[in-house]
């Protein structure tokens, strides 16, 4: 049983790796890709494409969550999403025009929006070790980002970069086939156990979901604000070359991978105190990245930022699975909010650069993390207070029968 569980975990994490790696594979080079394949040089069209992709994910992720909640058959939905993704990749590979490529991309992301089910299945499989599962997930996610960043340079140099979508499509279809046997064997076509045991009404969950959504939005907005202009910032402030800027850019992702044993060992022991300390690390790391020091100090602050972000992201996922009444539905909404953060982050960063300066991005990002911590502490306080009132109410009710 334990060996089968490990095999399933490894398979699910492999699916996550492929999902993230293929999703961000071309993102560093979209302008170059569209110029090479379709002869498009207008940056507004690239912005339109990225904005369209984000909006599709924001809209369709909750729809998949609603379907998963009603059908109670998450593995079947995931397999449909994987096969749909694979077939959409084939359409992208044969797209002769930019318009056809956009349509195929939208179709791809409609199916790919179902991939959050990978995470909910992973967490359900590891209900006794949710923190470790969440840490492993985020480590794989960051590892996929690093791998995709390294591979993207090779893909854009291909004579016909569209050929890579044939390979991705075949891999997605194969994973869909393997998912059928792996998940069927593991017995995941069952009702959500967290939902079966949930006793809370939807009215009591909605305010918590709103607060949690604000917590998630502010954190993802802060983390992703510093990415679009980071290499430009280091080249201007520290006169770094392309290679050094890339290494500095990837440092937080590498720290997320390295810090997995640390999160597994100390996250549960430290609890809220550990989370608060991690947010302080993010705030400190972000703020001082915007202060011109030296390369050594910048590396230290990038590492602080990376470790703190990895800790907070892992714990946030654990929190939602602890209080959620409807795992698939709630996490799909949170996933959509994450994508709203990804959508707003470059817009906010561009506005700051236009009005202020490159270094001010780090200052405003640190302020968003301060807001994140305030909302988190307020939400935690109100939740614990409501629990206390509920406990007192139950004691008074029982006393009536004594």
Protein backbone atom coordinates (compact mmCIF):
# COMPACT_ATOMS: atom_id res chain seq x y z
CA UNK A 1 0.00 0.00 0.00
CA UNK A 2 2.77 2.44 0.93
CA UNK A 3 4.76 1.59 -2.21
CA UNK A 4 1.66 2.16 -4.35
CA UNK A 5 1.08 5.52 -2.66
CA UNK A 6 4.68 6.55 -3.37
CA UNK A 7 4.29 5.50 -7.01
CA UNK A 8 1.09 7.52 -7.33
CA UNK A 9 2.73 10.56 -5.72
CA UNK A 10 5.68 10.30 -8.10
CA UNK A 11 3.34 10.02 -11.07
CA UNK A 12 1.23 13.00 -10.00
CA UNK A 13 4.34 15.13 -9.45
CA UNK A 14 5.60 14.08 -12.89
CA UNK A 15 2.32 15.30 -14.38
CA UNK A 16 2.73 18.58 -12.49
CA UNK A 17 6.27 18.95 -13.83
CA UNK A 18 5.17 18.47 -17.44
CA UNK A 19 2.17 20.76 -16.96
CA UNK A 20 4.23 23.67 -15.60
CA UNK A 21 7.22 23.12 -17.87
CA UNK A 22 5.13 23.18 -21.06
CA UNK A 23 3.03 26.10 -19.82
CA UNK A 24 5.99 28.45 -19.30
CA UNK A 25 8.26 27.00 -22.00
CA UNK A 26 7.84 29.88 -24.46
CA UNK A 27 6.91 32.65 -22.01
CA UNK A 28 10.40 34.26 -21.88
CA UNK A 29 10.50 34.49 -25.68
CA UNK A 30 6.93 35.16 -26.90
CA UNK A 31 7.93 38.29 -28.88
CA UNK A 32 10.78 36.38 -30.60
CA UNK A 33 8.51 33.35 -31.17
CA UNK A 34 5.75 35.35 -32.87
CA UNK A 35 8.28 37.25 -34.97
CA UNK A 36 10.02 34.07 -36.13
CA UNK A 37 6.90 31.98 -36.80
CA UNK A 38 4.32 34.57 -37.92
CA UNK A 39 6.38 37.66 -38.69
CA UNK A 40 4.63 39.67 -35.96
CA UNK A 41 6.61 42.48 -34.33
CA UNK A 42 3.78 44.43 -32.65
CA UNK A 43 4.27 44.13 -28.85
CA UNK A 44 0.57 44.88 -28.32
CA UNK A 45 -0.34 41.58 -30.01
CA UNK A 46 1.99 39.73 -27.66
CA UNK A 47 0.36 41.49 -24.71
CA UNK A 48 -3.08 40.62 -26.13
CA UNK A 49 -2.10 36.96 -26.38
CA UNK A 50 -0.80 36.77 -22.79
CA UNK A 51 -3.83 38.65 -21.44
CA UNK A 52 -6.22 36.33 -23.32
CA UNK A 53 -4.49 33.23 -21.97
CA UNK A 54 -4.68 34.49 -18.38
CA UNK A 55 -8.36 35.37 -18.69
CA UNK A 56 -9.22 31.93 -20.08
CA UNK A 57 -7.59 30.25 -17.06
CA UNK A 58 -9.29 32.66 -14.61
CA UNK A 59 -12.73 31.92 -16.13
CA UNK A 60 -12.49 28.18 -16.72
CA UNK A 61 -10.69 26.97 -13.59
CA UNK A 62 -13.77 27.57 -11.35
CA UNK A 63 -15.97 25.93 -14.00
CA UNK A 64 -13.88 22.75 -13.80
CA UNK A 65 -14.12 22.98 -9.99
CA UNK A 66 -17.92 23.25 -10.20
CA UNK A 67 -18.09 20.23 -12.51
CA UNK A 68 -15.76 18.24 -10.23
CA UNK A 69 -17.95 19.10 -7.25
CA UNK A 70 -21.13 17.99 -9.00
CA UNK A 71 -19.76 14.89 -10.74
CA UNK A 72 -17.50 13.70 -7.90
CA UNK A 73 -15.24 12.07 -10.48
CA UNK A 74 -12.04 14.11 -10.46
CA UNK A 75 -9.81 11.50 -12.11
CA UNK A 76 -12.09 11.21 -15.17
CA UNK A 77 -12.17 14.98 -15.54
CA UNK A 78 -8.38 15.12 -15.25
CA UNK A 79 -7.98 12.49 -17.99
CA UNK A 80 -10.36 14.44 -20.24
CA UNK A 81 -8.27 17.54 -19.58
CA UNK A 82 -5.03 15.72 -20.41
CA UNK A 83 -6.32 14.28 -23.69
CA UNK A 84 -7.92 17.61 -24.62
CA UNK A 85 -4.61 19.33 -23.91
CA UNK A 86 -2.73 16.85 -26.10
CA UNK A 87 -5.11 17.24 -29.04
CA UNK A 88 -5.00 21.04 -28.68
CA UNK A 89 -1.20 20.88 -28.88
CA UNK A 90 -1.54 19.11 -32.23
CA UNK A 91 -3.74 21.98 -33.44
CA UNK A 92 -1.11 24.48 -32.29
CA UNK A 93 1.57 22.56 -34.16
CA UNK A 94 -0.31 22.96 -37.47
CA UNK A 95 -1.40 26.58 -36.92
CA UNK A 96 -0.49 28.52 -40.06
CA UNK A 97 -1.65 31.94 -38.83
CA UNK A 98 -1.44 33.91 -35.59
CA UNK A 99 -5.25 33.89 -35.29
CA UNK A 100 -5.35 30.10 -35.58
CA UNK A 101 -2.60 29.82 -32.97
CA UNK A 102 -4.60 32.03 -30.55
CA UNK A 103 -7.74 29.91 -31.03
CA UNK A 104 -5.77 26.69 -30.48
CA UNK A 105 -4.14 28.22 -27.38
CA UNK A 106 -7.54 29.15 -25.94
CA UNK A 107 -8.78 25.60 -26.54
CA UNK A 108 -5.60 24.26 -24.94
CA UNK A 109 -6.06 26.39 -21.81
CA UNK A 110 -9.73 25.47 -21.47
CA UNK A 111 -8.62 21.84 -21.06
CA UNK A 112 -5.46 22.70 -19.15
CA UNK A 113 -7.49 24.62 -16.56
CA UNK A 114 -8.53 21.22 -15.22
CA UNK A 115 -4.97 20.50 -14.10
CA UNK A 116 -5.54 21.94 -10.62
CA UNK A 117 -7.22 18.57 -9.99
CA UNK A 118 -3.72 17.07 -9.96
CA UNK A 119 -3.04 19.04 -6.81
CA UNK A 120 -6.31 18.24 -5.05
CA UNK A 121 -5.82 14.53 -5.78
CA UNK A 122 -2.23 14.76 -4.50
CA UNK A 123 -3.35 16.40 -1.25
CA UNK A 124 -6.15 13.88 -0.75
CA UNK A 125 -3.64 11.08 -1.24
CA UNK A 126 -1.44 12.62 1.48
CA UNK A 127 -3.97 13.82 4.05
CA UNK A 128 -1.66 12.87 6.93
CA UNK A 129 1.36 14.69 5.44
CA UNK A 130 -0.20 17.66 3.67
CA UNK A 131 2.69 20.03 4.45
CA UNK A 132 5.25 17.67 2.93
CA UNK A 133 3.05 17.10 -0.13
CA UNK A 134 2.55 20.84 -0.61
CA UNK A 135 6.29 21.50 -0.24
CA UNK A 136 7.10 18.77 -2.77
CA UNK A 137 4.53 20.19 -5.18
CA UNK A 138 6.00 23.69 -5.04
CA UNK A 139 9.53 22.33 -5.34
CA UNK A 140 8.55 20.42 -8.50
CA UNK A 141 6.76 23.53 -9.77
CA UNK A 142 9.86 25.69 -9.32
CA UNK A 143 12.05 22.96 -10.79
CA UNK A 144 9.80 22.91 -13.85
CA UNK A 145 10.13 26.70 -14.19
CA UNK A 146 13.92 26.43 -14.04
CA UNK A 147 13.93 23.60 -16.61
CA UNK A 148 11.54 25.47 -18.92
CA UNK A 149 13.67 28.62 -18.72
CA UNK A 150 16.75 26.63 -19.73
CA UNK A 151 14.90 24.79 -22.53
CA UNK A 152 13.23 27.90 -23.92
CA UNK A 153 16.48 29.18 -25.40
CA UNK A 154 16.88 25.91 -27.31
CA UNK A 155 13.27 25.90 -28.55
CA UNK A 156 13.37 29.45 -29.90
CA UNK A 157 16.50 28.59 -31.90
CA UNK A 158 14.71 25.73 -33.71
CA UNK A 159 14.08 26.29 -37.40
CA UNK A 160 10.37 25.62 -36.79
CA UNK A 161 9.51 26.04 -33.07
CA UNK A 162 5.96 24.79 -33.70
CA UNK A 163 7.35 21.25 -33.96
CA UNK A 164 7.79 21.18 -30.18
CA UNK A 165 3.99 21.08 -29.79
CA UNK A 166 3.88 17.66 -31.48
CA UNK A 167 6.18 16.30 -28.78
CA UNK A 168 4.22 17.99 -25.98
CA UNK A 169 0.92 16.70 -27.38
CA UNK A 170 2.18 13.10 -27.54
CA UNK A 171 3.47 13.31 -23.96
CA UNK A 172 0.15 14.73 -22.72
CA UNK A 173 -1.85 11.96 -24.40
CA UNK A 174 0.47 9.31 -22.94
CA UNK A 175 0.07 10.79 -19.46
CA UNK A 176 -3.70 10.73 -19.97
CA UNK A 177 -3.45 7.02 -20.74
CA UNK A 178 -1.26 6.34 -17.71
CA UNK A 179 -3.60 8.44 -15.52
CA UNK A 180 -6.48 6.14 -16.44
CA UNK A 181 -4.69 3.11 -15.02
CA UNK A 182 -2.91 4.82 -12.10
CA UNK A 183 -5.90 6.73 -10.73
CA UNK A 184 -8.37 3.91 -11.38
CA UNK A 185 -6.08 1.55 -9.46
CA UNK A 186 -5.77 4.06 -6.61
CA UNK A 187 -9.54 4.44 -6.44
CA UNK A 188 -9.90 8.19 -6.88
CA UNK A 189 -13.32 8.10 -8.54
CA UNK A 190 -14.86 8.70 -5.18
CA UNK A 191 -16.56 11.49 -3.30
CA UNK A 192 -14.37 14.14 -1.77
CA UNK A 193 -13.65 12.90 1.78
CA UNK A 194 -13.18 16.41 3.01
CA UNK A 195 -16.61 17.30 1.72
CA UNK A 196 -18.26 14.26 3.28
CA UNK A 197 -16.91 15.14 6.71
CA UNK A 198 -17.57 18.89 6.37
CA UNK A 199 -20.31 20.13 8.62
CA UNK A 200 -20.12 23.83 7.80
CA UNK A 201 -22.73 25.63 5.76
CA UNK A 202 -21.85 27.51 2.61
CA UNK A 203 -22.76 30.76 4.35
CA UNK A 204 -20.02 30.25 6.93
CA UNK A 205 -17.46 29.31 4.29
CA UNK A 206 -17.97 32.29 1.96
CA UNK A 207 -16.48 34.98 4.26
CA UNK A 208 -13.49 32.71 4.94
CA UNK A 209 -13.06 32.14 1.20
CA UNK A 210 -13.09 35.90 0.59
CA UNK A 211 -10.44 36.51 3.25
CA UNK A 212 -8.36 33.60 2.02
CA UNK A 213 -8.70 34.90 -1.53
CA UNK A 214 -7.30 38.27 -0.43
CA UNK A 215 -4.42 36.50 1.31
CA UNK A 216 -3.62 34.50 -1.83
CA UNK A 217 -4.03 37.47 -4.19
CA UNK A 218 -1.73 39.81 -2.27
CA UNK A 219 1.01 37.18 -1.95
CA UNK A 220 0.97 36.11 -5.61
CA UNK A 221 0.76 39.71 -6.76
CA UNK A 222 3.83 40.64 -4.69
CA UNK A 223 5.87 37.62 -5.76
CA UNK A 224 5.15 38.07 -9.47
CA UNK A 225 5.47 41.87 -9.61
CA UNK A 226 9.26 41.74 -9.44
CA UNK A 227 9.70 39.24 -12.29
CA UNK A 228 8.99 41.19 -15.53
CA UNK A 229 11.68 43.83 -15.02
CA UNK A 230 14.13 42.01 -12.76
CA UNK A 231 16.79 41.27 -15.38
CA UNK A 232 16.50 44.83 -16.69
CA UNK A 233 16.95 46.10 -13.12
CA UNK A 234 20.09 44.04 -12.46
CA UNK A 235 21.63 45.00 -15.80
CA UNK A 236 21.08 48.70 -15.09
CA UNK A 237 21.94 48.75 -11.39
CA UNK A 238 24.67 46.10 -11.21
CA UNK A 239 25.80 45.98 -14.86
CA UNK A 240 25.37 42.21 -14.96
CA UNK A 241 25.55 40.14 -18.11
CA UNK A 242 22.79 37.92 -19.47
CA UNK A 243 24.06 34.79 -17.71
CA UNK A 244 24.44 36.44 -14.30
CA UNK A 245 21.02 38.12 -14.60
CA UNK A 246 19.46 34.75 -15.44
CA UNK A 247 21.09 33.09 -12.41
CA UNK A 248 19.89 35.87 -10.12
CA UNK A 249 16.42 35.60 -11.66
CA UNK A 250 16.24 31.85 -10.97
CA UNK A 251 17.66 32.00 -7.42
CA UNK A 252 14.25 32.07 -5.63
CA UNK A 253 13.11 29.03 -7.63
CA UNK A 254 16.28 27.17 -6.71
CA UNK A 255 15.79 28.12 -3.04
CA UNK A 256 12.26 26.71 -3.17
CA UNK A 257 13.72 23.35 -4.21
CA UNK A 258 16.52 23.42 -1.64
CA UNK A 259 14.20 24.42 1.24
CA UNK A 260 11.83 21.41 0.89
CA UNK A 261 13.54 19.39 3.70
CA UNK A 262 13.45 22.50 5.91
CA UNK A 263 9.72 23.01 5.32
CA UNK A 264 8.95 19.33 5.88
CA UNK A 265 10.85 19.24 9.17
CA UNK A 266 9.94 22.53 10.82
CA UNK A 267 6.70 23.76 9.24
CA UNK A 268 4.33 21.86 11.55
CA UNK A 269 6.48 22.54 14.62
CA UNK A 270 6.61 26.29 14.12
CA UNK A 271 3.00 26.71 12.95
CA UNK A 272 1.80 30.32 12.80
CA UNK A 273 5.11 31.64 14.11
CA UNK A 274 6.93 30.01 11.21
CA UNK A 275 4.51 31.54 8.72
CA UNK A 276 4.93 35.02 10.20
CA UNK A 277 8.72 34.62 10.16
CA UNK A 278 8.55 33.54 6.51
CA UNK A 279 6.53 36.63 5.54
CA UNK A 280 9.06 38.83 7.36
CA UNK A 281 11.79 37.15 5.28
CA UNK A 282 9.87 37.96 2.09
CA UNK A 283 9.34 41.59 3.14
CA UNK A 284 13.00 42.00 4.07
CA UNK A 285 14.24 40.24 0.95
CA UNK A 286 12.02 42.28 -1.37
CA UNK A 287 12.68 45.66 0.24
CA UNK A 288 16.47 45.37 0.27
CA UNK A 289 16.59 44.05 -3.31
CA UNK A 290 15.42 47.53 -4.25
CA UNK A 291 18.29 49.12 -2.32
CA UNK A 292 21.53 49.29 -4.28
CA UNK A 293 24.17 47.31 -2.36
CA UNK A 294 26.43 44.71 -3.96
CA UNK A 295 26.00 41.42 -5.83
CA UNK A 296 26.72 39.37 -2.68
CA UNK A 297 24.04 41.21 -0.68
CA UNK A 298 21.58 40.92 -3.59
CA UNK A 299 22.13 37.16 -3.66
CA UNK A 300 21.44 36.94 0.09
CA UNK A 301 18.20 38.92 -0.23
CA UNK A 302 17.09 36.87 -3.26
CA UNK A 303 17.66 33.69 -1.23
CA UNK A 304 15.69 35.09 1.73
CA UNK A 305 12.86 36.00 -0.61
CA UNK A 306 12.88 32.54 -2.20
CA UNK A 307 12.86 30.57 1.06
CA UNK A 308 10.15 32.76 2.60
CA UNK A 309 7.96 32.52 -0.50
CA UNK A 310 8.33 28.72 -0.68
CA UNK A 311 7.37 28.38 3.00
CA UNK A 312 4.30 30.62 2.70
CA UNK A 313 3.02 29.05 -0.52
CA UNK A 314 3.29 25.55 0.93
CA UNK A 315 1.52 26.51 4.18
CA UNK A 316 -1.26 28.40 2.41
CA UNK A 317 -2.18 25.29 0.45
CA UNK A 318 -2.27 23.28 3.68
CA UNK A 319 -4.55 25.84 5.31
CA UNK A 320 -7.13 25.67 2.55
CA UNK A 321 -7.25 21.88 2.64
CA UNK A 322 -7.76 21.99 6.40
CA UNK A 323 -10.79 24.28 6.42
CA UNK A 324 -12.25 23.57 2.99
CA UNK A 325 -15.70 22.02 2.82
CA UNK A 326 -15.46 21.41 -0.92
CA UNK A 327 -11.87 20.69 -1.91
CA UNK A 328 -12.20 20.82 -5.71
CA UNK A 329 -14.57 23.80 -5.75
CA UNK A 330 -12.68 25.90 -3.20
CA UNK A 331 -9.25 25.19 -4.63
CA UNK A 332 -10.44 25.96 -8.16
CA UNK A 333 -11.58 29.39 -6.95
CA UNK A 334 -8.26 29.95 -5.18
CA UNK A 335 -6.42 28.84 -8.33
CA UNK A 336 -8.41 31.38 -10.34
CA UNK A 337 -7.46 34.09 -7.83
CA UNK A 338 -3.80 33.10 -8.23
CA UNK A 339 -4.14 33.67 -11.97
CA UNK A 340 -5.75 37.06 -11.32
CA UNK A 341 -2.57 37.88 -9.37
CA UNK A 342 -0.47 36.69 -12.32
CA UNK A 343 -2.60 38.85 -14.62
CA UNK A 344 -2.35 42.01 -12.52
CA UNK A 345 1.33 41.67 -11.53
CA UNK A 346 2.91 42.78 -14.85
CA UNK A 347 0.33 45.55 -15.21
CA UNK A 348 1.18 46.87 -11.73
CA UNK A 349 4.91 46.56 -12.40
CA UNK A 350 4.63 48.47 -15.69
CA UNK A 351 2.63 51.24 -14.01
CA UNK A 352 5.23 51.60 -11.26
CA UNK A 353 8.10 51.73 -13.77
CA UNK A 354 6.29 54.37 -15.85
CA UNK A 355 5.46 56.57 -12.87
CA UNK A 356 8.36 55.85 -10.49
CA UNK A 357 11.45 53.70 -11.15
CA UNK A 358 12.59 50.09 -11.48
CA UNK A 359 13.77 49.88 -7.86
CA UNK A 360 10.37 51.06 -6.57
CA UNK A 361 8.81 47.78 -7.77
CA UNK A 362 10.51 45.98 -4.86
CA UNK A 363 9.27 48.58 -2.36
CA UNK A 364 5.64 48.30 -3.48
CA UNK A 365 5.89 44.52 -3.66
CA UNK A 366 7.07 44.45 -0.04
CA UNK A 367 4.07 46.64 0.89
CA UNK A 368 1.75 44.06 -0.68
CA UNK A 369 3.33 41.39 1.53
CA UNK A 370 2.78 43.63 4.58
CA UNK A 371 -0.89 43.88 3.53
CA UNK A 372 -0.89 40.10 3.03
CA UNK A 373 0.35 39.55 6.59
CA UNK A 374 -2.22 41.98 8.04
CA UNK A 375 -5.12 40.27 6.24
CA UNK A 376 -3.75 36.84 7.19
CA UNK A 377 -3.49 37.72 10.89
CA UNK A 378 -6.90 39.36 10.88
CA UNK A 379 -8.47 36.35 9.18
CA UNK A 380 -6.76 33.98 11.62
CA UNK A 381 -7.92 36.04 14.61
CA UNK A 382 -11.55 36.20 13.47
CA UNK A 383 -11.56 32.48 12.63
CA UNK A 384 -10.18 31.50 16.04
CA UNK A 385 -12.61 33.85 17.78
CA UNK A 386 -15.59 32.35 15.90
CA UNK A 387 -14.37 28.88 16.91
CA UNK A 388 -14.27 30.00 20.51
CA UNK A 389 -17.83 31.34 20.36
CA UNK A 390 -19.01 28.10 18.76
CA UNK A 391 -17.33 26.10 21.53
CA UNK A 392 -18.96 28.23 24.26
CA UNK A 393 -22.34 27.93 22.57
CA UNK A 394 -22.03 24.15 22.52
CA UNK A 395 -21.08 24.08 26.23
CA UNK A 396 -24.12 26.21 27.12
CA UNK A 397 -26.37 23.97 25.05
CA UNK A 398 -25.13 20.86 26.79
CA UNK A 399 -25.56 22.53 30.17
CA UNK A 400 -29.30 22.82 29.55
CA UNK A 401 -29.62 19.06 29.83
CA UNK A 402 -27.65 18.70 33.06
